[in-house]
PDB file of all heavy atoms in Angstrom:
ATOM      1  N   GLY A   1       0.744  -4.931 -11.550  1.00  0.00           N
ATOM      2  CA  GLY A   1       0.704  -5.041 -12.976  1.00  0.00           C
ATOM      3  C   GLY A   1       1.234  -3.839 -13.672  1.00  0.00           C
ATOM      4  O   GLY A   1       2.052  -3.989 -14.728  1.00  0.00           O
ATOM      5  N   LEU A   2       0.929  -2.673 -13.263  1.00  0.00           N
ATOM      6  CA  LEU A   2       1.428  -1.440 -13.887  1.00  0.00           C
ATOM      7  C   LEU A   2       2.996  -1.338 -13.673  1.00  0.00           C
ATOM      8  O   LEU A   2       3.707  -1.045 -14.680  1.00  0.00           O
ATOM      9  CB  LEU A   2       0.811  -0.197 -13.225  1.00  0.00           C
ATOM     10  CG  LEU A   2       1.231   1.101 -13.766  1.00  0.00           C
ATOM     11  CD1 LEU A   2       0.707   1.226 -15.211  1.00  0.00           C
ATOM     12  CD2 LEU A   2       0.600   2.196 -12.982  1.00  0.00           C
ATOM     13  N   LEU A   3       3.472  -1.606 -12.452  1.00  0.00           N
ATOM     14  CA  LEU A   3       4.895  -1.613 -12.235  1.00  0.00           C
ATOM     15  C   LEU A   3       5.611  -2.662 -13.080  1.00  0.00           C
ATOM     16  O   LEU A   3       6.720  -2.427 -13.626  1.00  0.00           O
ATOM     17  CB  LEU A   3       5.206  -1.868 -10.709  1.00  0.00           C
ATOM     18  CG  LEU A   3       4.817  -0.722  -9.792  1.00  0.00           C
ATOM     19  CD1 LEU A   3       5.149  -1.228  -8.356  1.00  0.00           C
ATOM     20  CD2 LEU A   3       5.652   0.542 -10.074  1.00  0.00           C
ATOM     21  N   TYR A   4       4.982  -3.811 -13.223  1.00  0.00           N
ATOM     22  CA  TYR A   4       5.544  -4.921 -13.950  1.00  0.00           C
ATOM     23  C   TYR A   4       5.701  -4.552 -15.440  1.00  0.00           C
ATOM     24  O   TYR A   4       6.702  -4.749 -16.174  1.00  0.00           O
ATOM     25  CB  TYR A   4       4.711  -6.173 -13.855  1.00  0.00           C
ATOM     26  CG  TYR A   4       5.269  -7.419 -14.475  1.00  0.00           C
ATOM     27  CD1 TYR A   4       6.255  -8.187 -13.802  1.00  0.00           C
ATOM     28  CD2 TYR A   4       4.914  -7.839 -15.743  1.00  0.00           C
ATOM     29  CE1 TYR A   4       6.792  -9.244 -14.425  1.00  0.00           C
ATOM     30  CE2 TYR A   4       5.451  -8.980 -16.354  1.00  0.00           C
ATOM     31  CZ  TYR A   4       6.431  -9.664 -15.659  1.00  0.00           C
ATOM     32  OH  TYR A   4       6.979 -10.807 -16.206  1.00  0.00           O
ATOM     33  N   ARG A   5       4.649  -3.884 -16.034  1.00  0.00           N
ATOM     34  CA  ARG A   5       4.660  -3.510 -17.437  1.00  0.00           C
ATOM     35  C   ARG A   5       5.632  -2.263 -17.627  1.00  0.00           C
ATOM     36  O   ARG A   5       6.224  -2.172 -18.761  1.00  0.00           O
ATOM     37  CB  ARG A   5       3.294  -3.140 -17.847  1.00  0.00           C
ATOM     38  CG  ARG A   5       2.305  -4.213 -17.824  1.00  0.00           C
ATOM     39  CD  ARG A   5       2.712  -5.346 -18.718  1.00  0.00           C
ATOM     40  NE  ARG A   5       2.026  -5.207 -19.980  1.00  0.00           N
ATOM     41  CZ  ARG A   5       2.404  -5.951 -21.070  1.00  0.00           C
ATOM     42  NH1 ARG A   5       3.275  -6.847 -20.946  1.00  0.00           N
ATOM     43  NH2 ARG A   5       1.735  -5.766 -22.168  1.00  0.00           N
ATOM     44  N   LEU A   6       5.777  -1.441 -16.718  1.00  0.00           N
ATOM     45  CA  LEU A   6       6.636  -0.295 -16.968  1.00  0.00           C
ATOM     46  C   LEU A   6       8.092  -0.614 -16.783  1.00  0.00           C
ATOM     47  O   LEU A   6       8.950   0.166 -17.346  1.00  0.00           O
ATOM     48  CB  LEU A   6       6.230   0.854 -15.929  1.00  0.00           C
ATOM     49  CG  LEU A   6       4.872   1.490 -16.188  1.00  0.00           C
ATOM     50  CD1 LEU A   6       4.615   2.529 -15.118  1.00  0.00           C
ATOM     51  CD2 LEU A   6       4.841   2.122 -17.553  1.00  0.00           C
ATOM     52  N   ALA A   7       8.442  -1.645 -16.027  1.00  0.00           N
ATOM     53  CA  ALA A   7       9.845  -1.964 -15.905  1.00  0.00           C
ATOM     54  C   ALA A   7      10.263  -2.873 -17.050  1.00  0.00           C
ATOM     55  O   ALA A   7       9.631  -3.891 -17.361  1.00  0.00           O
ATOM     56  CB  ALA A   7      10.020  -2.655 -14.590  1.00  0.00           C
ATOM     57  N   ALA A   8      11.422  -2.561 -17.604  1.00  0.00           N
ATOM     58  CA  ALA A   8      12.020  -3.433 -18.640  1.00  0.00           C
ATOM     59  C   ALA A   8      12.380  -4.795 -18.035  1.00  0.00           C
ATOM     60  O   ALA A   8      12.767  -4.865 -16.807  1.00  0.00           O
ATOM     61  CB  ALA A   8      13.207  -2.691 -19.291  1.00  0.00           C
ATOM     62  N   GLU A   9      12.322  -5.795 -18.878  1.00  0.00           N
ATOM     63  CA  GLU A   9      12.474  -7.156 -18.264  1.00  0.00           C
ATOM     64  C   GLU A   9      13.936  -7.314 -17.721  1.00  0.00           C
ATOM     65  O   GLU A   9      14.012  -7.969 -16.653  1.00  0.00           O
ATOM     66  CB  GLU A   9      12.310  -8.198 -19.407  1.00  0.00           C
ATOM     67  CG  GLU A   9      12.290  -9.618 -18.940  1.00  0.00           C
ATOM     68  CD  GLU A   9      11.799 -10.579 -19.905  1.00  0.00           C
ATOM     69  OE1 GLU A   9      11.246 -10.213 -20.893  1.00  0.00           O
ATOM     70  OE2 GLU A   9      12.044 -11.760 -19.719  1.00  0.00           O
ATOM     71  N   ASP A  10      14.895  -6.681 -18.289  1.00  0.00           N
ATOM     72  CA  ASP A  10      16.268  -6.898 -17.798  1.00  0.00           C
ATOM     73  C   ASP A  10      16.524  -5.969 -16.506  1.00  0.00           C
ATOM     74  O   ASP A  10      17.460  -6.180 -15.798  1.00  0.00           O
ATOM     75  CB  ASP A  10      17.333  -6.565 -18.825  1.00  0.00           C
ATOM     76  CG  ASP A  10      17.170  -5.120 -19.429  1.00  0.00           C
ATOM     77  OD1 ASP A  10      16.125  -4.665 -19.325  1.00  0.00           O
ATOM     78  OD2 ASP A  10      18.232  -4.643 -19.863  1.00  0.00           O
ATOM     79  N   LYS A  11      15.595  -5.055 -16.296  1.00  0.00           N
ATOM     80  CA  LYS A  11      15.685  -4.131 -15.142  1.00  0.00           C
ATOM     81  C   LYS A  11      14.892  -4.644 -13.919  1.00  0.00           C
ATOM     82  O   LYS A  11      14.980  -3.981 -12.862  1.00  0.00           O
ATOM     83  CB  LYS A  11      15.249  -2.715 -15.537  1.00  0.00           C
ATOM     84  CG  LYS A  11      16.051  -2.095 -16.629  1.00  0.00           C
ATOM     85  CD  LYS A  11      17.370  -1.657 -16.128  1.00  0.00           C
ATOM     86  CE  LYS A  11      18.050  -0.939 -17.318  1.00  0.00           C
ATOM     87  NZ  LYS A  11      19.462  -0.607 -17.005  1.00  0.00           N
ATOM     88  N   ARG A  12      14.048  -5.617 -14.107  1.00  0.00           N
ATOM     89  CA  ARG A  12      13.270  -6.133 -13.006  1.00  0.00           C
ATOM     90  C   ARG A  12      14.080  -6.830 -11.983  1.00  0.00           C
ATOM     91  O   ARG A  12      14.752  -7.832 -12.310  1.00  0.00           O
ATOM     92  CB  ARG A  12      12.102  -7.074 -13.552  1.00  0.00           C
ATOM     93  CG  ARG A  12      11.008  -6.361 -14.336  1.00  0.00           C
ATOM     94  CD  ARG A  12      10.004  -7.296 -14.790  1.00  0.00           C
ATOM     95  NE  ARG A  12       9.174  -6.608 -15.805  1.00  0.00           N
ATOM     96  CZ  ARG A  12       8.750  -7.211 -16.862  1.00  0.00           C
ATOM     97  NH1 ARG A  12       9.062  -8.490 -17.116  1.00  0.00           N
ATOM     98  NH2 ARG A  12       8.057  -6.580 -17.779  1.00  0.00           N
ATOM     99  N   PRO A  13      14.044  -6.377 -10.749  1.00  0.00           N
ATOM    100  CA  PRO A  13      14.837  -7.160  -9.668  1.00  0.00           C
ATOM    101  C   PRO A  13      14.267  -8.556  -9.379  1.00  0.00           C
ATOM    102  O   PRO A  13      13.124  -8.849  -9.707  1.00  0.00           O
ATOM    103  CB  PRO A  13      14.811  -6.261  -8.518  1.00  0.00           C
ATOM    104  CG  PRO A  13      13.697  -5.268  -8.802  1.00  0.00           C
ATOM    105  CD  PRO A  13      13.368  -5.313 -10.185  1.00  0.00           C
ATOM    106  N   ASP A  14      14.943  -9.375  -8.727  1.00  0.00           N
ATOM    107  CA  ASP A  14      14.574 -10.687  -8.445  1.00  0.00           C
ATOM    108  C   ASP A  14      13.255 -10.740  -7.520  1.00  0.00           C
ATOM    109  O   ASP A  14      12.379 -11.512  -7.755  1.00  0.00           O
ATOM    110  CB  ASP A  14      15.659 -11.549  -7.755  1.00  0.00           C
ATOM    111  CG  ASP A  14      16.775 -11.860  -8.778  1.00  0.00           C
ATOM    112  OD1 ASP A  14      16.547 -11.835  -9.963  1.00  0.00           O
ATOM    113  OD2 ASP A  14      17.899 -11.999  -8.300  1.00  0.00           O
ATOM    114  N   TRP A  15      13.292  -9.819  -6.524  1.00  0.00           N
ATOM    115  CA  TRP A  15      12.188  -9.850  -5.595  1.00  0.00           C
ATOM    116  C   TRP A  15      10.888  -9.478  -6.295  1.00  0.00           C
ATOM    117  O   TRP A  15       9.810  -9.825  -5.845  1.00  0.00           O
ATOM    118  CB  TRP A  15      12.379  -8.825  -4.460  1.00  0.00           C
ATOM    119  CG  TRP A  15      12.628  -7.503  -4.873  1.00  0.00           C
ATOM    120  CD1 TRP A  15      13.812  -6.859  -5.002  1.00  0.00           C
ATOM    121  CD2 TRP A  15      11.646  -6.433  -5.290  1.00  0.00           C
ATOM    122  NE1 TRP A  15      13.796  -5.551  -5.416  1.00  0.00           N
ATOM    123  CE2 TRP A  15      12.440  -5.319  -5.586  1.00  0.00           C
ATOM    124  CE3 TRP A  15      10.354  -6.409  -5.273  1.00  0.00           C
ATOM    125  CZ2 TRP A  15      11.812  -4.129  -6.010  1.00  0.00           C
ATOM    126  CZ3 TRP A  15       9.704  -5.254  -5.665  1.00  0.00           C
ATOM    127  CH2 TRP A  15      10.447  -4.092  -6.056  1.00  0.00           C
ATOM    128  N   PHE A  16      10.970  -8.713  -7.472  1.00  0.00           N
ATOM    129  CA  PHE A  16       9.732  -8.380  -8.188  1.00  0.00           C
ATOM    130  C   PHE A  16       9.185  -9.519  -8.974  1.00  0.00           C
ATOM    131  O   PHE A  16       7.982  -9.400  -9.331  1.00  0.00           O
ATOM    132  CB  PHE A  16      10.070  -7.191  -9.027  1.00  0.00           C
ATOM    133  CG  PHE A  16       8.790  -6.405  -9.558  1.00  0.00           C
ATOM    134  CD1 PHE A  16       8.135  -5.720  -8.678  1.00  0.00           C
ATOM    135  CD2 PHE A  16       8.419  -6.522 -10.801  1.00  0.00           C
ATOM    136  CE1 PHE A  16       7.021  -4.987  -9.029  1.00  0.00           C
ATOM    137  CE2 PHE A  16       7.284  -5.836 -11.226  1.00  0.00           C
ATOM    138  CZ  PHE A  16       6.557  -5.076 -10.441  1.00  0.00           C
ATOM    139  N   MET A  17       9.952 -10.455  -9.212  1.00  0.00           N
ATOM    140  CA  MET A  17       9.496 -11.616 -10.050  1.00  0.00           C
ATOM    141  C   MET A  17       8.687 -12.587  -9.212  1.00  0.00           C
ATOM    142  O   MET A  17       8.326 -13.696  -9.784  1.00  0.00           O
ATOM    143  CB  MET A  17      10.688 -12.245 -10.800  1.00  0.00           C
ATOM    144  CG  MET A  17      11.393 -11.353 -11.698  1.00  0.00           C
ATOM    145  SD  MET A  17      10.396 -10.557 -12.930  1.00  0.00           S
ATOM    146  CE  MET A  17      10.063 -11.923 -13.953  1.00  0.00           C
ATOM    147  N   LEU A  18       8.460 -12.254  -7.982  1.00  0.00           N
ATOM    148  CA  LEU A  18       7.632 -13.105  -7.149  1.00  0.00           C
ATOM    149  C   LEU A  18       6.171 -13.276  -7.794  1.00  0.00           C
ATOM    150  O   LEU A  18       5.747 -12.551  -8.621  1.00  0.00           O
ATOM    151  CB  LEU A  18       7.445 -12.591  -5.726  1.00  0.00           C
ATOM    152  CG  LEU A  18       8.714 -12.538  -4.891  1.00  0.00           C
ATOM    153  CD1 LEU A  18       8.417 -11.815  -3.615  1.00  0.00           C
ATOM    154  CD2 LEU A  18       9.261 -13.794  -4.597  1.00  0.00           C
ATOM    155  N   ASP A  19       5.587 -14.330  -7.451  1.00  0.00           N
ATOM    156  CA  ASP A  19       4.284 -14.640  -7.883  1.00  0.00           C
ATOM    157  C   ASP A  19       3.315 -13.514  -7.649  1.00  0.00           C
ATOM    158  O   ASP A  19       3.406 -12.891  -6.593  1.00  0.00           O
ATOM    159  CB  ASP A  19       3.740 -15.866  -7.181  1.00  0.00           C
ATOM    160  CG  ASP A  19       3.145 -16.956  -8.033  1.00  0.00           C
ATOM    161  OD1 ASP A  19       3.445 -16.922  -9.222  1.00  0.00           O
ATOM    162  OD2 ASP A  19       2.572 -17.723  -7.534  1.00  0.00           O
ATOM    163  N   LEU A  20       2.457 -13.286  -8.655  1.00  0.00           N
ATOM    164  CA  LEU A  20       1.407 -12.230  -8.459  1.00  0.00           C
ATOM    165  C   LEU A  20       0.511 -12.632  -7.290  1.00  0.00           C
ATOM    166  O   LEU A  20       0.045 -11.761  -6.546  1.00  0.00           O
ATOM    167  CB  LEU A  20       0.532 -12.057  -9.679  1.00  0.00           C
ATOM    168  CG  LEU A  20      -0.608 -11.143  -9.623  1.00  0.00           C
ATOM    169  CD1 LEU A  20      -0.208  -9.777  -9.236  1.00  0.00           C
ATOM    170  CD2 LEU A  20      -1.328 -11.170 -10.949  1.00  0.00           C
ATOM    171  N   SER A  21       0.345 -13.906  -7.048  1.00  0.00           N
ATOM    172  CA  SER A  21      -0.606 -14.421  -5.971  1.00  0.00           C
ATOM    173  C   SER A  21      -0.060 -13.986  -4.631  1.00  0.00           C
ATOM    174  O   SER A  21      -0.840 -13.641  -3.718  1.00  0.00           O
ATOM    175  CB  SER A  21      -0.847 -15.835  -6.062  1.00  0.00           C
ATOM    176  OG  SER A  21       0.370 -16.563  -5.860  1.00  0.00           O
ATOM    177  N   LEU A  22       1.295 -14.021  -4.475  1.00  0.00           N
ATOM    178  CA  LEU A  22       1.906 -13.588  -3.223  1.00  0.00           C
ATOM    179  C   LEU A  22       1.686 -12.081  -2.945  1.00  0.00           C
ATOM    180  O   LEU A  22       1.303 -11.696  -1.819  1.00  0.00           O
ATOM    181  CB  LEU A  22       3.376 -13.954  -3.212  1.00  0.00           C
ATOM    182  CG  LEU A  22       4.174 -13.475  -1.981  1.00  0.00           C
ATOM    183  CD1 LEU A  22       3.709 -14.260  -0.740  1.00  0.00           C
ATOM    184  CD2 LEU A  22       5.613 -13.701  -2.250  1.00  0.00           C
ATOM    185  N   ASN A  23       1.823 -11.324  -3.975  1.00  0.00           N
ATOM    186  CA  ASN A  23       1.691  -9.900  -3.857  1.00  0.00           C
ATOM    187  C   ASN A  23       0.098  -9.553  -3.595  1.00  0.00           C
ATOM    188  O   ASN A  23      -0.189  -8.721  -2.856  1.00  0.00           O
ATOM    189  CB  ASN A  23       2.131  -9.153  -5.081  1.00  0.00           C
ATOM    190  CG  ASN A  23       3.579  -9.128  -5.226  1.00  0.00           C
ATOM    191  OD1 ASN A  23       4.201  -8.638  -4.205  1.00  0.00           O
ATOM    192  ND2 ASN A  23       4.157  -9.629  -6.274  1.00  0.00           N
ATOM    193  N   LEU A  24      -0.820 -10.249  -4.256  1.00  0.00           N
ATOM    194  CA  LEU A  24      -2.199 -10.128  -3.991  1.00  0.00           C
ATOM    195  C   LEU A  24      -2.560 -10.495  -2.568  1.00  0.00           C
ATOM    196  O   LEU A  24      -3.439  -9.925  -1.935  1.00  0.00           O
ATOM    197  CB  LEU A  24      -3.048 -10.885  -5.006  1.00  0.00           C
ATOM    198  CG  LEU A  24      -3.053 -10.247  -6.337  1.00  0.00           C
ATOM    199  CD1 LEU A  24      -4.004 -11.143  -7.349  1.00  0.00           C
ATOM    200  CD2 LEU A  24      -3.617  -8.831  -6.362  1.00  0.00           C
ATOM    201  N   THR A  25      -1.884 -11.576  -2.065  1.00  0.00           N
ATOM    202  CA  THR A  25      -2.145 -11.949  -0.704  1.00  0.00           C
ATOM    203  C   THR A  25      -1.766 -10.956   0.254  1.00  0.00           C
ATOM    204  O   THR A  25      -2.443 -10.687   1.263  1.00  0.00           O
ATOM    205  CB  THR A  25      -1.364 -13.341  -0.436  1.00  0.00           C
ATOM    206  OG1 THR A  25      -1.845 -14.366  -1.345  1.00  0.00           O
ATOM    207  CG2 THR A  25      -1.606 -13.843   0.985  1.00  0.00           C
ATOM    208  N   PHE A  26      -0.557 -10.342   0.103  1.00  0.00           N
ATOM    209  CA  PHE A  26      -0.143  -9.290   1.016  1.00  0.00           C
ATOM    210  C   PHE A  26      -1.133  -8.154   0.869  1.00  0.00           C
ATOM    211  O   PHE A  26      -1.465  -7.457   1.851  1.00  0.00           O
ATOM    212  CB  PHE A  26       1.296  -8.793   0.638  1.00  0.00           C
ATOM    213  CG  PHE A  26       2.352  -9.487   1.324  1.00  0.00           C
ATOM    214  CD1 PHE A  26       3.252 -10.243   0.570  1.00  0.00           C
ATOM    215  CD2 PHE A  26       2.470  -9.597   2.714  1.00  0.00           C
ATOM    216  CE1 PHE A  26       4.276 -11.002   1.234  1.00  0.00           C
ATOM    217  CE2 PHE A  26       3.392 -10.368   3.328  1.00  0.00           C
ATOM    218  CZ  PHE A  26       4.337 -11.019   2.579  1.00  0.00           C
ATOM    219  N   GLY A  27      -1.558  -7.711  -0.293  1.00  0.00           N
ATOM    220  CA  GLY A  27      -2.479  -6.650  -0.525  1.00  0.00           C
ATOM    221  C   GLY A  27      -3.793  -6.951   0.198  1.00  0.00           C
ATOM    222  O   GLY A  27      -4.448  -6.112   0.767  1.00  0.00           O
ATOM    223  N   LEU A  28      -4.213  -8.200   0.171  1.00  0.00           N
ATOM    224  CA  LEU A  28      -5.488  -8.682   0.812  1.00  0.00           C
ATOM    225  C   LEU A  28      -5.275  -8.568   2.317  1.00  0.00           C
ATOM    226  O   LEU A  28      -6.264  -8.119   2.996  1.00  0.00           O
ATOM    227  CB  LEU A  28      -5.788 -10.006   0.302  1.00  0.00           C
ATOM    228  CG  LEU A  28      -7.076 -10.639   0.826  1.00  0.00           C
ATOM    229  CD1 LEU A  28      -8.320  -9.879   0.109  1.00  0.00           C
ATOM    230  CD2 LEU A  28      -7.222 -12.112   0.376  1.00  0.00           C
ATOM    231  N   ILE A  29      -4.229  -8.986   2.811  1.00  0.00           N
ATOM    232  CA  ILE A  29      -3.962  -8.930   4.281  1.00  0.00           C
ATOM    233  C   ILE A  29      -3.975  -7.441   4.761  1.00  0.00           C
ATOM    234  O   ILE A  29      -4.641  -7.187   5.774  1.00  0.00           O
ATOM    235  CB  ILE A  29      -2.624  -9.520   4.615  1.00  0.00           C
ATOM    236  CG1 ILE A  29      -2.762 -11.048   4.445  1.00  0.00           C
ATOM    237  CG2 ILE A  29      -2.183  -9.219   6.083  1.00  0.00           C
ATOM    238  CD1 ILE A  29      -1.409 -11.800   4.512  1.00  0.00           C
ATOM    239  N   PHE A  30      -3.393  -6.592   4.044  1.00  0.00           N
ATOM    240  CA  PHE A  30      -3.378  -5.211   4.470  1.00  0.00           C
ATOM    241  C   PHE A  30      -4.799  -4.514   4.306  1.00  0.00           C
ATOM    242  O   PHE A  30      -5.120  -3.771   5.143  1.00  0.00           O
ATOM    243  CB  PHE A  30      -2.338  -4.350   3.525  1.00  0.00           C
ATOM    244  CG  PHE A  30      -0.961  -4.479   4.089  1.00  0.00           C
ATOM    245  CD1 PHE A  30      -0.321  -5.560   4.090  1.00  0.00           C
ATOM    246  CD2 PHE A  30      -0.439  -3.214   4.557  1.00  0.00           C
ATOM    247  CE1 PHE A  30       1.081  -5.590   4.578  1.00  0.00           C
ATOM    248  CE2 PHE A  30       0.904  -3.191   5.003  1.00  0.00           C
ATOM    249  CZ  PHE A  30       1.654  -4.422   5.057  1.00  0.00           C
ATOM    250  N   ALA A  31      -5.489  -4.927   3.264  1.00  0.00           N
ATOM    251  CA  ALA A  31      -6.909  -4.387   3.102  1.00  0.00           C
ATOM    252  C   ALA A  31      -7.830  -4.856   4.116  1.00  0.00           C
ATOM    253  O   ALA A  31      -8.633  -4.192   4.636  1.00  0.00           O
ATOM    254  CB  ALA A  31      -7.372  -4.802   1.698  1.00  0.00           C
ATOM    255  N   VAL A  32      -7.634  -6.170   4.494  1.00  0.00           N
ATOM    256  CA  VAL A  32      -8.494  -6.683   5.621  1.00  0.00           C
ATOM    257  C   VAL A  32      -8.162  -5.901   6.913  1.00  0.00           C
ATOM    258  O   VAL A  32      -9.078  -5.599   7.694  1.00  0.00           O
ATOM    259  CB  VAL A  32      -8.228  -8.223   5.825  1.00  0.00           C
ATOM    260  CG1 VAL A  32      -8.743  -8.710   7.168  1.00  0.00           C
ATOM    261  CG2 VAL A  32      -8.868  -9.000   4.651  1.00  0.00           C
ATOM    262  N   PHE A  33      -6.935  -5.670   7.234  1.00  0.00           N
ATOM    263  CA  PHE A  33      -6.537  -4.919   8.369  1.00  0.00           C
ATOM    264  C   PHE A  33      -7.152  -3.496   8.296  1.00  0.00           C
ATOM    265  O   PHE A  33      -7.676  -3.073   9.362  1.00  0.00           O
ATOM    266  CB  PHE A  33      -4.988  -4.830   8.500  1.00  0.00           C
ATOM    267  CG  PHE A  33      -4.556  -3.976   9.668  1.00  0.00           C
ATOM    268  CD1 PHE A  33      -4.665  -4.483  10.946  1.00  0.00           C
ATOM    269  CD2 PHE A  33      -4.032  -2.729   9.423  1.00  0.00           C
ATOM    270  CE1 PHE A  33      -4.227  -3.665  12.018  1.00  0.00           C
ATOM    271  CE2 PHE A  33      -3.656  -1.887  10.497  1.00  0.00           C
ATOM    272  CZ  PHE A  33      -3.815  -2.431  11.827  1.00  0.00           C
ATOM    273  N   GLY A  34      -7.055  -2.861   7.190  1.00  0.00           N
ATOM    274  CA  GLY A  34      -7.605  -1.474   7.076  1.00  0.00           C
ATOM    275  C   GLY A  34      -9.143  -1.468   7.326  1.00  0.00           C
ATOM    276  O   GLY A  34      -9.726  -0.590   7.985  1.00  0.00           O
ATOM    277  N   ALA A  35      -9.846  -2.517   6.694  1.00  0.00           N
ATOM    278  CA  ALA A  35     -11.298  -2.508   6.790  1.00  0.00           C
ATOM    279  C   ALA A  35     -11.669  -2.904   8.235  1.00  0.00           C
ATOM    280  O   ALA A  35     -12.629  -2.360   8.819  1.00  0.00           O
ATOM    281  CB  ALA A  35     -11.852  -3.558   5.862  1.00  0.00           C
ATOM    282  N   ALA A  36     -10.838  -3.809   8.908  1.00  0.00           N
ATOM    283  CA  ALA A  36     -11.227  -4.222  10.307  1.00  0.00           C
ATOM    284  C   ALA A  36     -10.996  -3.079  11.243  1.00  0.00           C
ATOM    285  O   ALA A  36     -11.827  -2.772  12.144  1.00  0.00           O
ATOM    286  CB  ALA A  36     -10.432  -5.478  10.675  1.00  0.00           C
ATOM    287  N   LEU A  37      -9.983  -2.281  11.000  1.00  0.00           N
ATOM    288  CA  LEU A  37      -9.722  -1.106  11.849  1.00  0.00           C
ATOM    289  C   LEU A  37     -10.845  -0.062  11.653  1.00  0.00           C
ATOM    290  O   LEU A  37     -11.248   0.467  12.730  1.00  0.00           O
ATOM    291  CB  LEU A  37      -8.329  -0.467  11.493  1.00  0.00           C
ATOM    292  CG  LEU A  37      -7.939   0.694  12.308  1.00  0.00           C
ATOM    293  CD1 LEU A  37      -7.745   0.316  13.781  1.00  0.00           C
ATOM    294  CD2 LEU A  37      -6.641   1.275  11.760  1.00  0.00           C
ATOM    295  N   ALA A  38     -11.272   0.052  10.466  1.00  0.00           N
ATOM    296  CA  ALA A  38     -12.418   1.076  10.296  1.00  0.00           C
ATOM    297  C   ALA A  38     -13.669   0.594  10.921  1.00  0.00           C
ATOM    298  O   ALA A  38     -14.457   1.360  11.567  1.00  0.00           O
ATOM    299  CB  ALA A  38     -12.647   1.295   8.775  1.00  0.00           C
ATOM    300  N   TRP A  39     -13.959  -0.788  10.835  1.00  0.00           N
ATOM    301  CA  TRP A  39     -15.171  -1.348  11.412  1.00  0.00           C
ATOM    302  C   TRP A  39     -15.094  -1.100  12.938  1.00  0.00           C
ATOM    303  O   TRP A  39     -16.090  -0.807  13.610  1.00  0.00           O
ATOM    304  CB  TRP A  39     -15.248  -2.774  11.075  1.00  0.00           C
ATOM    305  CG  TRP A  39     -16.433  -3.472  11.706  1.00  0.00           C
ATOM    306  CD1 TRP A  39     -17.729  -3.406  11.410  1.00  0.00           C
ATOM    307  CD2 TRP A  39     -16.332  -4.277  12.992  1.00  0.00           C
ATOM    308  NE1 TRP A  39     -18.485  -4.133  12.242  1.00  0.00           N
ATOM    309  CE2 TRP A  39     -17.668  -4.672  13.274  1.00  0.00           C
ATOM    310  CE3 TRP A  39     -15.322  -4.625  13.767  1.00  0.00           C
ATOM    311  CZ2 TRP A  39     -17.923  -5.441  14.331  1.00  0.00           C
ATOM    312  CZ3 TRP A  39     -15.611  -5.439  14.838  1.00  0.00           C
ATOM    313  CH2 TRP A  39     -16.928  -5.858  15.104  1.00  0.00           C
ATOM    314  N   TRP A  40     -13.921  -1.379  13.490  1.00  0.00           N
ATOM    315  CA  TRP A  40     -13.725  -1.232  14.951  1.00  0.00           C
ATOM    316  C   TRP A  40     -13.903   0.235  15.436  1.00  0.00           C
ATOM    317  O   TRP A  40     -14.541   0.473  16.420  1.00  0.00           O
ATOM    318  CB  TRP A  40     -12.292  -1.729  15.323  1.00  0.00           C
ATOM    319  CG  TRP A  40     -12.087  -1.607  16.837  1.00  0.00           C
ATOM    320  CD1 TRP A  40     -12.477  -2.463  17.803  1.00  0.00           C
ATOM    321  CD2 TRP A  40     -11.452  -0.466  17.504  1.00  0.00           C
ATOM    322  NE1 TRP A  40     -12.057  -2.008  18.988  1.00  0.00           N
ATOM    323  CE2 TRP A  40     -11.382  -0.740  18.906  1.00  0.00           C
ATOM    324  CE3 TRP A  40     -10.909   0.760  17.053  1.00  0.00           C
ATOM    325  CZ2 TRP A  40     -10.888   0.054  19.773  1.00  0.00           C
ATOM    326  CZ3 TRP A  40     -10.331   1.552  18.022  1.00  0.00           C
ATOM    327  CH2 TRP A  40     -10.363   1.272  19.343  1.00  0.00           C
ATOM    328  N   ARG A  41     -13.379   1.197  14.651  1.00  0.00           N
ATOM    329  CA  ARG A  41     -13.596   2.599  15.001  1.00  0.00           C
ATOM    330  C   ARG A  41     -15.073   2.950  14.913  1.00  0.00           C
ATOM    331  O   ARG A  41     -15.529   3.760  15.727  1.00  0.00           O
ATOM    332  CB  ARG A  41     -12.735   3.434  14.081  1.00  0.00           C
ATOM    333  CG  ARG A  41     -11.258   3.486  14.395  1.00  0.00           C
ATOM    334  CD  ARG A  41     -10.525   4.528  13.678  1.00  0.00           C
ATOM    335  NE  ARG A  41     -11.183   5.799  13.868  1.00  0.00           N
ATOM    336  CZ  ARG A  41     -10.563   6.898  14.321  1.00  0.00           C
ATOM    337  NH1 ARG A  41      -9.322   6.849  14.675  1.00  0.00           N
ATOM    338  NH2 ARG A  41     -11.245   8.016  14.519  1.00  0.00           N
TER     339      ARG A  41
END
């Protein structure tokens, strides 16, 4: 959200206009991996 608000609309690349849900899904996957690794350790 911060990156989206700071970038001017005409300067936003196409890949950035992806759905927020897709970006949250990737963030969730990475967070699950980090938490699972910590639990395993």
